[in-house]
Amino acid sequence: MKKALIICAAGMSSSMMAAKTTDWFKQNGYDITMDAVGATEGAKWIETSDFDLFLVSPQTKMYLKNLQASGEKVGKPVISIPPQAYVPIPSGIKNMGELVLKNMPK
């Protein structure tokens, strides 16, 4: 199983996106789960967790470079989520799922 983590301002809207995208993965036959944390904990999660991919929400993109530096330390990808993949409607969930599939390490 692969795991992706959304890093968001407070982790609330991203928790909903993570749950809906995890459901999308299950419905489409992928063994991927998602979760979410707040930006203040992002670097710690990148450096110490077993997640495979980290996604930075649009409202926290000001932290992207620092979070990517944490990812480089441990060899894990940290990417930015475009706004069209951060909308809790079917097209946004599909965009998020496809973003994760495209960037998930093999």
PDB file of N, CA and C in Angstrom:
ATOM      1  N   MET A   1       0.838  -1.188   0.000  1.00  0.00           N
ATOM      2  CA  MET A   1       0.000   0.000   0.000  1.00  0.00           C
ATOM      3  C   MET A   1       0.875   1.240   0.000  1.00  0.00           C
ATOM      4  N   LYS A   2       0.515   2.192  -0.849  1.00  0.00           N
ATOM      5  CA  LYS A   2       1.187   3.488  -0.911  1.00  0.00           C
ATOM      6  C   LYS A   2       0.376   4.501  -0.110  1.00  0.00           C
ATOM      7  N   LYS A   3       1.089   5.510   0.397  1.00  0.00           N
ATOM      8  CA  LYS A   3       0.434   6.519   1.228  1.00  0.00           C
ATOM      9  C   LYS A   3       0.867   7.921   0.807  1.00  0.00           C
ATOM     10  N   ALA A   4      -0.129   8.818   0.738  1.00  0.00           N
ATOM     11  CA  ALA A   4       0.137  10.222   0.413  1.00  0.00           C
ATOM     12  C   ALA A   4      -0.426  11.101   1.528  1.00  0.00           C
ATOM     13  N   LEU A   5       0.261  12.200   1.811  1.00  0.00           N
ATOM     14  CA  LEU A   5      -0.151  13.106   2.882  1.00  0.00           C
ATOM     15  C   LEU A   5      -0.307  14.515   2.336  1.00  0.00           C
ATOM     16  N   ILE A   6      -1.471  15.099   2.592  1.00  0.00           N
ATOM     17  CA  ILE A   6      -1.708  16.497   2.233  1.00  0.00           C
ATOM     18  C   ILE A   6      -1.282  17.371   3.405  1.00  0.00           C
ATOM     19  N   ILE A   7      -0.513  18.405   3.110  1.00  0.00           N
ATOM     20  CA  ILE A   7      -0.116  19.385   4.128  1.00  0.00           C
ATOM     21  C   ILE A   7      -0.896  20.654   3.836  1.00  0.00           C
ATOM     22  N   CYS A   8      -1.692  21.076   4.818  1.00  0.00           N
ATOM     23  CA  CYS A   8      -2.674  22.146   4.644  1.00  0.00           C
ATOM     24  C   CYS A   8      -2.528  23.149   5.783  1.00  0.00           C
ATOM     25  N   ALA A   9      -3.263  24.238   5.707  1.00  0.00           N
ATOM     26  CA  ALA A   9      -3.206  25.266   6.754  1.00  0.00           C
ATOM     27  C   ALA A   9      -3.543  24.671   8.125  1.00  0.00           C
ATOM     28  N   ALA A  10      -4.710  24.059   8.249  1.00  0.00           N
ATOM     29  CA  ALA A  10      -5.104  23.485   9.535  1.00  0.00           C
ATOM     30  C   ALA A  10      -5.401  21.991   9.440  1.00  0.00           C
ATOM     31  N   GLY A  11      -5.484  21.467   8.239  1.00  0.00           N
ATOM     32  CA  GLY A  11      -5.745  20.041   8.063  1.00  0.00           C
ATOM     33  C   GLY A  11      -7.209  19.673   8.002  1.00  0.00           C
ATOM     34  N   MET A  12      -8.115  20.660   8.024  1.00  0.00           N
ATOM     35  CA  MET A  12      -9.544  20.329   8.038  1.00  0.00           C
ATOM     36  C   MET A  12     -10.092  20.104   6.627  1.00  0.00           C
ATOM     37  N   SER A  13      -9.958  21.076   5.736  1.00  0.00           N
ATOM     38  CA  SER A  13     -10.451  20.873   4.369  1.00  0.00           C
ATOM     39  C   SER A  13      -9.667  19.760   3.691  1.00  0.00           C
ATOM     40  N   SER A  14      -8.396  19.671   4.014  1.00  0.00           N
ATOM     41  CA  SER A  14      -7.575  18.636   3.402  1.00  0.00           C
ATOM     42  C   SER A  14      -7.954  17.247   3.907  1.00  0.00           C
ATOM     43  N   SER A  15      -8.452  17.140   5.122  1.00  0.00           N
ATOM     44  CA  SER A  15      -8.914  15.836   5.626  1.00  0.00           C
ATOM     45  C   SER A  15     -10.076  15.327   4.791  1.00  0.00           C
ATOM     46  N   MET A  16     -10.983  16.229   4.409  1.00  0.00           N
ATOM     47  CA  MET A  16     -12.101  15.846   3.554  1.00  0.00           C
ATOM     48  C   MET A  16     -11.592  15.431   2.169  1.00  0.00           C
ATOM     49  N   MET A  17     -10.651  16.202   1.612  1.00  0.00           N
ATOM     50  CA  MET A  17     -10.084  15.850   0.309  1.00  0.00           C
ATOM     51  C   MET A  17      -9.370  14.504   0.372  1.00  0.00           C
ATOM     52  N   ALA A  18      -8.646  14.264   1.449  1.00  0.00           N
ATOM     53  CA  ALA A  18      -7.923  12.998   1.603  1.00  0.00           C
ATOM     54  C   ALA A  18      -8.898  11.824   1.659  1.00  0.00           C
ATOM     55  N   ALA A  19      -9.965  11.959   2.426  1.00  0.00           N
ATOM     56  CA  ALA A  19     -10.952  10.877   2.544  1.00  0.00           C
ATOM     57  C   ALA A  19     -11.641  10.610   1.215  1.00  0.00           C
ATOM     58  N   LYS A  20     -12.056  11.658   0.538  1.00  0.00           N
ATOM     59  CA  LYS A  20     -12.743  11.496  -0.750  1.00  0.00           C
ATOM     60  C   LYS A  20     -11.809  10.915  -1.810  1.00  0.00           C
ATOM     61  N   THR A  21     -10.550  11.319  -1.793  1.00  0.00           N
ATOM     62  CA  THR A  21      -9.604  10.795  -2.780  1.00  0.00           C
ATOM     63  C   THR A  21      -9.254   9.340  -2.469  1.00  0.00           C
ATOM     64  N   THR A  22      -9.144   8.993  -1.196  1.00  0.00           N
ATOM     65  CA  THR A  22      -8.919   7.593  -0.823  1.00  0.00           C
ATOM     66  C   THR A  22     -10.075   6.732  -1.336  1.00  0.00           C
ATOM     67  N   ASP A  23     -11.298   7.210  -1.196  1.00  0.00           N
ATOM     68  CA  ASP A  23     -12.459   6.482  -1.739  1.00  0.00           C
ATOM     69  C   ASP A  23     -12.357   6.344  -3.255  1.00  0.00           C
ATOM     70  N   TRP A  24     -11.930   7.413  -3.938  1.00  0.00           N
ATOM     71  CA  TRP A  24     -11.762   7.376  -5.393  1.00  0.00           C
ATOM     72  C   TRP A  24     -10.744   6.298  -5.783  1.00  0.00           C
ATOM     73  N   PHE A  25      -9.626   6.229  -5.025  1.00  0.00           N
ATOM     74  CA  PHE A  25      -8.621   5.202  -5.305  1.00  0.00           C
ATOM     75  C   PHE A  25      -9.222   3.802  -5.162  1.00  0.00           C
ATOM     76  N   LYS A  26      -9.953   3.572  -4.081  1.00  0.00           N
ATOM     77  CA  LYS A  26     -10.572   2.257  -3.862  1.00  0.00           C
ATOM     78  C   LYS A  26     -11.523   1.904  -4.994  1.00  0.00           C
ATOM     79  N   GLN A  27     -12.354   2.851  -5.405  1.00  0.00           N
ATOM     80  CA  GLN A  27     -13.323   2.619  -6.476  1.00  0.00           C
ATOM     81  C   GLN A  27     -12.648   2.333  -7.811  1.00  0.00           C
ATOM     82  N   ASN A  28     -11.414   2.806  -7.978  1.00  0.00           N
ATOM     83  CA  ASN A  28     -10.706   2.634  -9.243  1.00  0.00           C
ATOM     84  C   ASN A  28      -9.596   1.584  -9.175  1.00  0.00           C
ATOM     85  N   GLY A  29      -9.593   0.798  -8.093  1.00  0.00           N
ATOM     86  CA  GLY A  29      -8.683  -0.336  -7.996  1.00  0.00           C
ATOM     87  C   GLY A  29      -7.250  -0.037  -7.600  1.00  0.00           C
ATOM     88  N   TYR A  30      -7.005   1.104  -6.964  1.00  0.00           N
ATOM     89  CA  TYR A  30      -5.660   1.458  -6.514  1.00  0.00           C
ATOM     90  C   TYR A  30      -5.534   1.253  -5.014  1.00  0.00           C
ATOM     91  N   ASP A  31      -4.368   0.775  -4.577  1.00  0.00           N
ATOM     92  CA  ASP A  31      -4.107   0.550  -3.159  1.00  0.00           C
ATOM     93  C   ASP A  31      -3.311   1.736  -2.600  1.00  0.00           C
ATOM     94  N   ILE A  32      -3.996   2.870  -2.525  1.00  0.00           N
ATOM     95  CA  ILE A  32      -3.382   4.111  -2.041  1.00  0.00           C
ATOM     96  C   ILE A  32      -4.326   4.744  -1.032  1.00  0.00           C
ATOM     97  N   THR A  33      -3.766   5.194   0.088  1.00  0.00           N
ATOM     98  CA  THR A  33      -4.558   5.933   1.070  1.00  0.00           C
ATOM     99  C   THR A  33      -3.955   7.324   1.235  1.00  0.00           C
ATOM    100  N   MET A  34      -4.812   8.243   1.689  1.00  0.00           N
ATOM    101  CA  MET A  34      -4.367   9.616   1.918  1.00  0.00           C
ATOM    102  C   MET A  34      -4.795  10.072   3.304  1.00  0.00           C
ATOM    103  N   ASP A  35      -4.031  11.008   3.842  1.00  0.00           N
ATOM    104  CA  ASP A  35      -4.348  11.633   5.117  1.00  0.00           C
ATOM    105  C   ASP A  35      -3.934  13.097   5.013  1.00  0.00           C
ATOM    106  N   ALA A  36      -4.099  13.845   6.100  1.00  0.00           N
ATOM    107  CA  ALA A  36      -3.789  15.272   6.087  1.00  0.00           C
ATOM    108  C   ALA A  36      -3.276  15.735   7.445  1.00  0.00           C
ATOM    109  N   VAL A  37      -2.387  16.739   7.410  1.00  0.00           N
ATOM    110  CA  VAL A  37      -1.881  17.387   8.627  1.00  0.00           C
ATOM    111  C   VAL A  37      -1.768  18.879   8.370  1.00  0.00           C
ATOM    112  N   GLY A  38      -1.647  19.632   9.445  1.00  0.00           N
ATOM    113  CA  GLY A  38      -1.450  21.069   9.342  1.00  0.00           C
ATOM    114  C   GLY A  38      -0.017  21.415   8.951  1.00  0.00           C
ATOM    115  N   ALA A  39       0.155  22.596   8.384  1.00  0.00           N
ATOM    116  CA  ALA A  39       1.464  23.026   7.887  1.00  0.00           C
ATOM    117  C   ALA A  39       2.520  23.112   8.982  1.00  0.00           C
ATOM    118  N   THR A  40       2.114  23.428  10.204  1.00  0.00           N
ATOM    119  CA  THR A  40       3.104  23.556  11.277  1.00  0.00           C
ATOM    120  C   THR A  40       3.772  22.216  11.596  1.00  0.00           C
ATOM    121  N   GLU A  41       3.121  21.112  11.243  1.00  0.00           N
ATOM    122  CA  GLU A  41       3.680  19.778  11.488  1.00  0.00           C
ATOM    123  C   GLU A  41       4.271  19.155  10.229  1.00  0.00           C
ATOM    124  N   GLY A  42       4.168  19.843   9.093  1.00  0.00           N
ATOM    125  CA  GLY A  42       4.543  19.265   7.810  1.00  0.00           C
ATOM    126  C   GLY A  42       5.959  18.730   7.743  1.00  0.00           C
ATOM    127  N   ALA A  43       6.946  19.547   8.109  1.00  0.00           N
ATOM    128  CA  ALA A  43       8.347  19.122   8.004  1.00  0.00           C
ATOM    129  C   ALA A  43       8.617  17.899   8.868  1.00  0.00           C
ATOM    130  N   LYS A  44       8.049  17.867  10.064  1.00  0.00           N
ATOM    131  CA  LYS A  44       8.248  16.718  10.953  1.00  0.00           C
ATOM    132  C   LYS A  44       7.700  15.444  10.318  1.00  0.00           C
ATOM    133  N   TRP A  45       6.500  15.540   9.729  1.00  0.00           N
ATOM    134  CA  TRP A  45       5.893  14.377   9.081  1.00  0.00           C
ATOM    135  C   TRP A  45       6.724  13.921   7.887  1.00  0.00           C
ATOM    136  N   ILE A  46       7.214  14.854   7.117  1.00  0.00           N
ATOM    137  CA  ILE A  46       8.037  14.490   5.959  1.00  0.00           C
ATOM    138  C   ILE A  46       9.280  13.730   6.405  1.00  0.00           C
ATOM    139  N   GLU A  47       9.923  14.224   7.440  1.00  0.00           N
ATOM    140  CA  GLU A  47      11.202  13.656   7.865  1.00  0.00           C
ATOM    141  C   GLU A  47      11.079  12.385   8.687  1.00  0.00           C
ATOM    142  N   THR A  48       9.893  12.106   9.260  1.00  0.00           N
ATOM    143  CA  THR A  48       9.805  10.953  10.167  1.00  0.00           C
ATOM    144  C   THR A  48       8.722   9.932   9.827  1.00  0.00           C
ATOM    145  N   SER A  49       7.842  10.216   8.895  1.00  0.00           N
ATOM    146  CA  SER A  49       6.722   9.298   8.656  1.00  0.00           C
ATOM    147  C   SER A  49       7.020   8.318   7.528  1.00  0.00           C
ATOM    148  N   ASP A  50       6.114   7.368   7.357  1.00  0.00           N
ATOM    149  CA  ASP A  50       6.269   6.372   6.295  1.00  0.00           C
ATOM    150  C   ASP A  50       5.413   6.704   5.064  1.00  0.00           C
ATOM    151  N   PHE A  51       4.997   7.947   4.915  1.00  0.00           N
ATOM    152  CA  PHE A  51       4.264   8.347   3.710  1.00  0.00           C
ATOM    153  C   PHE A  51       5.233   8.376   2.529  1.00  0.00           C
ATOM    154  N   ASP A  52       4.690   8.097   1.346  1.00  0.00           N
ATOM    155  CA  ASP A  52       5.504   8.015   0.134  1.00  0.00           C
ATOM    156  C   ASP A  52       5.532   9.322  -0.655  1.00  0.00           C
ATOM    157  N   LEU A  53       4.479  10.120  -0.510  1.00  0.00           N
ATOM    158  CA  LEU A  53       4.324  11.352  -1.275  1.00  0.00           C
ATOM    159  C   LEU A  53       3.675  12.406  -0.399  1.00  0.00           C
ATOM    160  N   PHE A  54       4.135  13.648  -0.533  1.00  0.00           N
ATOM    161  CA  PHE A  54       3.598  14.763   0.244  1.00  0.00           C
ATOM    162  C   PHE A  54       3.098  15.827  -0.718  1.00  0.00           C
ATOM    163  N   LEU A  55       1.888  16.332  -0.442  1.00  0.00           N
ATOM    164  CA  LEU A  55       1.253  17.320  -1.312  1.00  0.00           C
ATOM    165  C   LEU A  55       0.942  18.573  -0.495  1.00  0.00           C
ATOM    166  N   VAL A  56       1.363  19.716  -0.996  1.00  0.00           N
ATOM    167  CA  VAL A  56       1.175  20.983  -0.287  1.00  0.00           C
ATOM    168  C   VAL A  56      -0.033  21.705  -0.888  1.00  0.00           C
ATOM    169  N   SER A  57      -0.996  22.038  -0.032  1.00  0.00           N
ATOM    170  CA  SER A  57      -2.247  22.650  -0.494  1.00  0.00           C
ATOM    171  C   SER A  57      -2.015  24.055  -1.050  1.00  0.00           C
ATOM    172  N   PRO A  58      -2.943  24.519  -1.899  1.00  0.00           N
ATOM    173  CA  PRO A  58      -2.779  25.861  -2.494  1.00  0.00           C
ATOM    174  C   PRO A  58      -2.627  26.976  -1.459  1.00  0.00           C
ATOM    175  N   GLN A  59      -3.351  26.888  -0.336  1.00  0.00           N
ATOM    176  CA  GLN A  59      -3.295  27.969   0.653  1.00  0.00           C
ATOM    177  C   GLN A  59      -2.029  27.944   1.513  1.00  0.00           C
ATOM    178  N   THR A  60      -1.200  26.910   1.361  1.00  0.00           N
ATOM    179  CA  THR A  60       0.052  26.850   2.130  1.00  0.00           C
ATOM    180  C   THR A  60       1.271  26.792   1.214  1.00  0.00           C
ATOM    181  N   LYS A  61       1.118  27.240  -0.036  1.00  0.00           N
ATOM    182  CA  LYS A  61       2.237  27.142  -0.976  1.00  0.00           C
ATOM    183  C   LYS A  61       3.423  28.017  -0.567  1.00  0.00           C
ATOM    184  N   MET A  62       3.233  28.968   0.351  1.00  0.00           N
ATOM    185  CA  MET A  62       4.356  29.772   0.820  1.00  0.00           C
ATOM    186  C   MET A  62       5.380  28.937   1.596  1.00  0.00           C
ATOM    187  N   TYR A  63       4.963  27.721   2.036  1.00  0.00           N
ATOM    188  CA  TYR A  63       5.866  26.812   2.748  1.00  0.00           C
ATOM    189  C   TYR A  63       6.512  25.784   1.817  1.00  0.00           C
ATOM    190  N   LEU A  64       6.169  25.807   0.541  1.00  0.00           N
ATOM    191  CA  LEU A  64       6.580  24.749  -0.382  1.00  0.00           C
ATOM    192  C   LEU A  64       8.092  24.543  -0.405  1.00  0.00           C
ATOM    193  N   LYS A  65       8.869  25.593  -0.569  1.00  0.00           N
ATOM    194  CA  LYS A  65      10.327  25.429  -0.679  1.00  0.00           C
ATOM    195  C   LYS A  65      10.922  24.807   0.586  1.00  0.00           C
ATOM    196  N   ASN A  66      10.474  25.248   1.755  1.00  0.00           N
ATOM    197  CA  ASN A  66      10.982  24.674   3.009  1.00  0.00           C
ATOM    198  C   ASN A  66      10.582  23.208   3.143  1.00  0.00           C
ATOM    199  N   LEU A  67       9.341  22.892   2.749  1.00  0.00           N
ATOM    200  CA  LEU A  67       8.886  21.508   2.843  1.00  0.00           C
ATOM    201  C   LEU A  67       9.612  20.629   1.819  1.00  0.00           C
ATOM    202  N   GLN A  68       9.880  21.176   0.641  1.00  0.00           N
ATOM    203  CA  GLN A  68      10.641  20.416  -0.357  1.00  0.00           C
ATOM    204  C   GLN A  68      12.067  20.155   0.134  1.00  0.00           C
ATOM    205  N   ALA A  69      12.647  21.094   0.861  1.00  0.00           N
ATOM    206  CA  ALA A  69      13.980  20.885   1.434  1.00  0.00           C
ATOM    207  C   ALA A  69      13.957  19.733   2.432  1.00  0.00           C
ATOM    208  N   SER A  70      12.891  19.638   3.226  1.00  0.00           N
ATOM    209  CA  SER A  70      12.744  18.510   4.159  1.00  0.00           C
ATOM    210  C   SER A  70      12.626  17.207   3.386  1.00  0.00           C
ATOM    211  N   GLY A  71      11.876  17.233   2.293  1.00  0.00           N
ATOM    212  CA  GLY A  71      11.728  16.039   1.462  1.00  0.00           C
ATOM    213  C   GLY A  71      13.045  15.600   0.849  1.00  0.00           C
ATOM    214  N   GLU A  72      13.854  16.546   0.414  1.00  0.00           N
ATOM    215  CA  GLU A  72      15.154  16.217  -0.172  1.00  0.00           C
ATOM    216  C   GLU A  72      16.059  15.519   0.838  1.00  0.00           C
ATOM    217  N   LYS A  73      15.967  15.912   2.112  1.00  0.00           N
ATOM    218  CA  LYS A  73      16.788  15.293   3.165  1.00  0.00           C
ATOM    219  C   LYS A  73      16.531  13.802   3.268  1.00  0.00           C
ATOM    220  N   VAL A  74      15.278  13.391   3.045  1.00  0.00           N
ATOM    221  CA  VAL A  74      14.908  11.983   3.232  1.00  0.00           C
ATOM    222  C   VAL A  74      14.554  11.281   1.913  1.00  0.00           C
ATOM    223  N   GLY A  75      14.737  11.980   0.801  1.00  0.00           N
ATOM    224  CA  GLY A  75      14.491  11.370  -0.500  1.00  0.00           C
ATOM    225  C   GLY A  75      13.029  11.108  -0.812  1.00  0.00           C
ATOM    226  N   LYS A  76      12.151  12.010  -0.357  1.00  0.00           N
ATOM    227  CA  LYS A  76      10.722  11.842  -0.619  1.00  0.00           C
ATOM    228  C   LYS A  76      10.187  13.064  -1.370  1.00  0.00           C
ATOM    229  N   PRO A  77       9.318  12.835  -2.365  1.00  0.00           N
ATOM    230  CA  PRO A  77       8.791  13.957  -3.153  1.00  0.00           C
ATOM    231  C   PRO A  77       7.775  14.796  -2.389  1.00  0.00           C
ATOM    232  N   VAL A  78       7.888  16.108  -2.575  1.00  0.00           N
ATOM    233  CA  VAL A  78       6.952  17.085  -2.022  1.00  0.00           C
ATOM    234  C   VAL A  78       6.520  17.960  -3.191  1.00  0.00           C
ATOM    235  N   ILE A  79       5.216  17.950  -3.494  1.00  0.00           N
ATOM    236  CA  ILE A  79       4.720  18.690  -4.653  1.00  0.00           C
ATOM    237  C   ILE A  79       3.598  19.639  -4.243  1.00  0.00           C
ATOM    238  N   SER A  80       3.348  20.593  -5.101  1.00  0.00           N
ATOM    239  CA  SER A  80       2.272  21.558  -4.895  1.00  0.00           C
ATOM    240  C   SER A  80       0.976  21.031  -5.529  1.00  0.00           C
ATOM    241  N   ILE A  81      -0.134  21.272  -4.859  1.00  0.00           N
ATOM    242  CA  ILE A  81      -1.438  20.893  -5.399  1.00  0.00           C
ATOM    243  C   ILE A  81      -2.008  22.095  -6.161  1.00  0.00           C
ATOM    244  N   PRO A  82      -2.306  21.936  -7.449  1.00  0.00           N
ATOM    245  CA  PRO A  82      -2.944  23.043  -8.178  1.00  0.00           C
ATOM    246  C   PRO A  82      -4.382  23.233  -7.684  1.00  0.00           C
ATOM    247  N   PRO A  83      -4.908  24.449  -7.746  1.00  0.00           N
ATOM    248  CA  PRO A  83      -6.262  24.705  -7.239  1.00  0.00           C
ATOM    249  C   PRO A  83      -7.338  23.787  -7.828  1.00  0.00           C
ATOM    250  N   GLN A  84      -7.225  23.415  -9.104  1.00  0.00           N
ATOM    251  CA  GLN A  84      -8.256  22.579  -9.720  1.00  0.00           C
ATOM    252  C   GLN A  84      -8.251  21.141  -9.187  1.00  0.00           C
ATOM    253  N   ALA A  85      -7.222  20.766  -8.426  1.00  0.00           N
ATOM    254  CA  ALA A  85      -7.186  19.444  -7.805  1.00  0.00           C
ATOM    255  C   ALA A  85      -7.514  19.530  -6.311  1.00  0.00           C
ATOM    256  N   TYR A  86      -7.973  20.693  -5.875  1.00  0.00           N
ATOM    257  CA  TYR A  86      -8.253  20.890  -4.440  1.00  0.00           C
ATOM    258  C   TYR A  86      -9.686  21.366  -4.246  1.00  0.00           C
ATOM    259  N   VAL A  87     -10.592  20.733  -4.980  1.00  0.00           N
ATOM    260  CA  VAL A  87     -12.008  21.085  -4.922  1.00  0.00           C
ATOM    261  C   VAL A  87     -12.779  19.799  -4.618  1.00  0.00           C
ATOM    262  N   PRO A  88     -13.570  19.777  -3.530  1.00  0.00           N
ATOM    263  CA  PRO A  88     -14.240  18.523  -3.127  1.00  0.00           C
ATOM    264  C   PRO A  88     -15.482  18.181  -3.959  1.00  0.00           C
ATOM    265  N   ILE A  89     -15.334  18.243  -5.272  1.00  0.00           N
ATOM    266  CA  ILE A  89     -16.390  17.814  -6.181  1.00  0.00           C
ATOM    267  C   ILE A  89     -15.782  16.722  -7.062  1.00  0.00           C
ATOM    268  N   PRO A  90     -16.595  15.937  -7.761  1.00  0.00           N
ATOM    269  CA  PRO A  90     -16.031  14.799  -8.504  1.00  0.00           C
ATOM    270  C   PRO A  90     -14.852  15.135  -9.404  1.00  0.00           C
ATOM    271  N   SER A  91     -14.905  16.232 -10.153  1.00  0.00           N
ATOM    272  CA  SER A  91     -13.780  16.558 -11.035  1.00  0.00           C
ATOM    273  C   SER A  91     -12.519  16.905 -10.240  1.00  0.00           C
ATOM    274  N   GLY A  92     -12.673  17.590  -9.111  1.00  0.00           N
ATOM    275  CA  GLY A  92     -11.527  17.919  -8.262  1.00  0.00           C
ATOM    276  C   GLY A  92     -10.915  16.679  -7.630  1.00  0.00           C
ATOM    277  N   ILE A  93     -11.766  15.753  -7.196  1.00  0.00           N
ATOM    278  CA  ILE A  93     -11.280  14.505  -6.600  1.00  0.00           C
ATOM    279  C   ILE A  93     -10.521  13.693  -7.648  1.00  0.00           C
ATOM    280  N   LYS A  94     -11.061  13.630  -8.856  1.00  0.00           N
ATOM    281  CA  LYS A  94     -10.382  12.917  -9.953  1.00  0.00           C
ATOM    282  C   LYS A  94      -9.037  13.575 -10.253  1.00  0.00           C
ATOM    283  N   ASN A  95      -8.999  14.900 -10.296  1.00  0.00           N
ATOM    284  CA  ASN A  95      -7.740  15.616 -10.536  1.00  0.00           C
ATOM    285  C   ASN A  95      -6.718  15.318  -9.446  1.00  0.00           C
ATOM    286  N   MET A  96      -7.170  15.280  -8.190  1.00  0.00           N
ATOM    287  CA  MET A  96      -6.269  14.964  -7.084  1.00  0.00           C
ATOM    288  C   MET A  96      -5.744  13.535  -7.231  1.00  0.00           C
ATOM    289  N   GLY A  97      -6.632  12.606  -7.528  1.00  0.00           N
ATOM    290  CA  GLY A  97      -6.217  11.215  -7.698  1.00  0.00           C
ATOM    291  C   GLY A  97      -5.185  11.071  -8.802  1.00  0.00           C
ATOM    292  N   GLU A  98      -5.432  11.725  -9.919  1.00  0.00           N
ATOM    293  CA  GLU A  98      -4.497  11.651 -11.041  1.00  0.00           C
ATOM    294  C   GLU A  98      -3.162  12.317 -10.715  1.00  0.00           C
ATOM    295  N   LEU A  99      -3.193  13.401  -9.944  1.00  0.00           N
ATOM    296  CA  LEU A  99      -1.961  14.066  -9.500  1.00  0.00           C
ATOM    297  C   LEU A  99      -1.122  13.120  -8.641  1.00  0.00           C
ATOM    298  N   VAL A 100      -1.798  12.428  -7.727  1.00  0.00           N
ATOM    299  CA  VAL A 100      -1.086  11.477  -6.854  1.00  0.00           C
ATOM    300  C   VAL A 100      -0.515  10.331  -7.689  1.00  0.00           C
ATOM    301  N   LEU A 101      -1.318   9.773  -8.589  1.00  0.00           N
ATOM    302  CA  LEU A 101      -0.831   8.663  -9.417  1.00  0.00           C
ATOM    303  C   LEU A 101       0.386   9.071 -10.246  1.00  0.00           C
ATOM    304  N   LYS A 102       0.363  10.275 -10.785  1.00  0.00           N
ATOM    305  CA  LYS A 102       1.452  10.772 -11.626  1.00  0.00           C
ATOM    306  C   LYS A 102       2.753  10.942 -10.820  1.00  0.00           C
ATOM    307  N   ASN A 103       2.641  11.326  -9.549  1.00  0.00           N
ATOM    308  CA  ASN A 103       3.809  11.677  -8.751  1.00  0.00           C
ATOM    309  C   ASN A 103       4.217  10.647  -7.709  1.00  0.00           C
ATOM    310  N   MET A 104       3.420   9.596  -7.540  1.00  0.00           N
ATOM    311  CA  MET A 104       3.726   8.572  -6.528  1.00  0.00           C
ATOM    312  C   MET A 104       4.978   7.792  -6.937  1.00  0.00           C
ATOM    313  N   PRO A 105       5.960   7.703  -6.046  1.00  0.00           N
ATOM    314  CA  PRO A 105       7.138   6.888  -6.359  1.00  0.00           C
ATOM    315  C   PRO A 105       6.722   5.431  -6.592  1.00  0.00           C
ATOM    316  N   LYS A 106       7.417   4.773  -7.489  1.00  0.00           N
ATOM    317  CA  LYS A 106       7.093   3.372  -7.812  1.00  0.00           C
ATOM    318  C   LYS A 106       7.561   2.420  -6.740  1.00  0.00           C
TER     319      LYS A 106
END
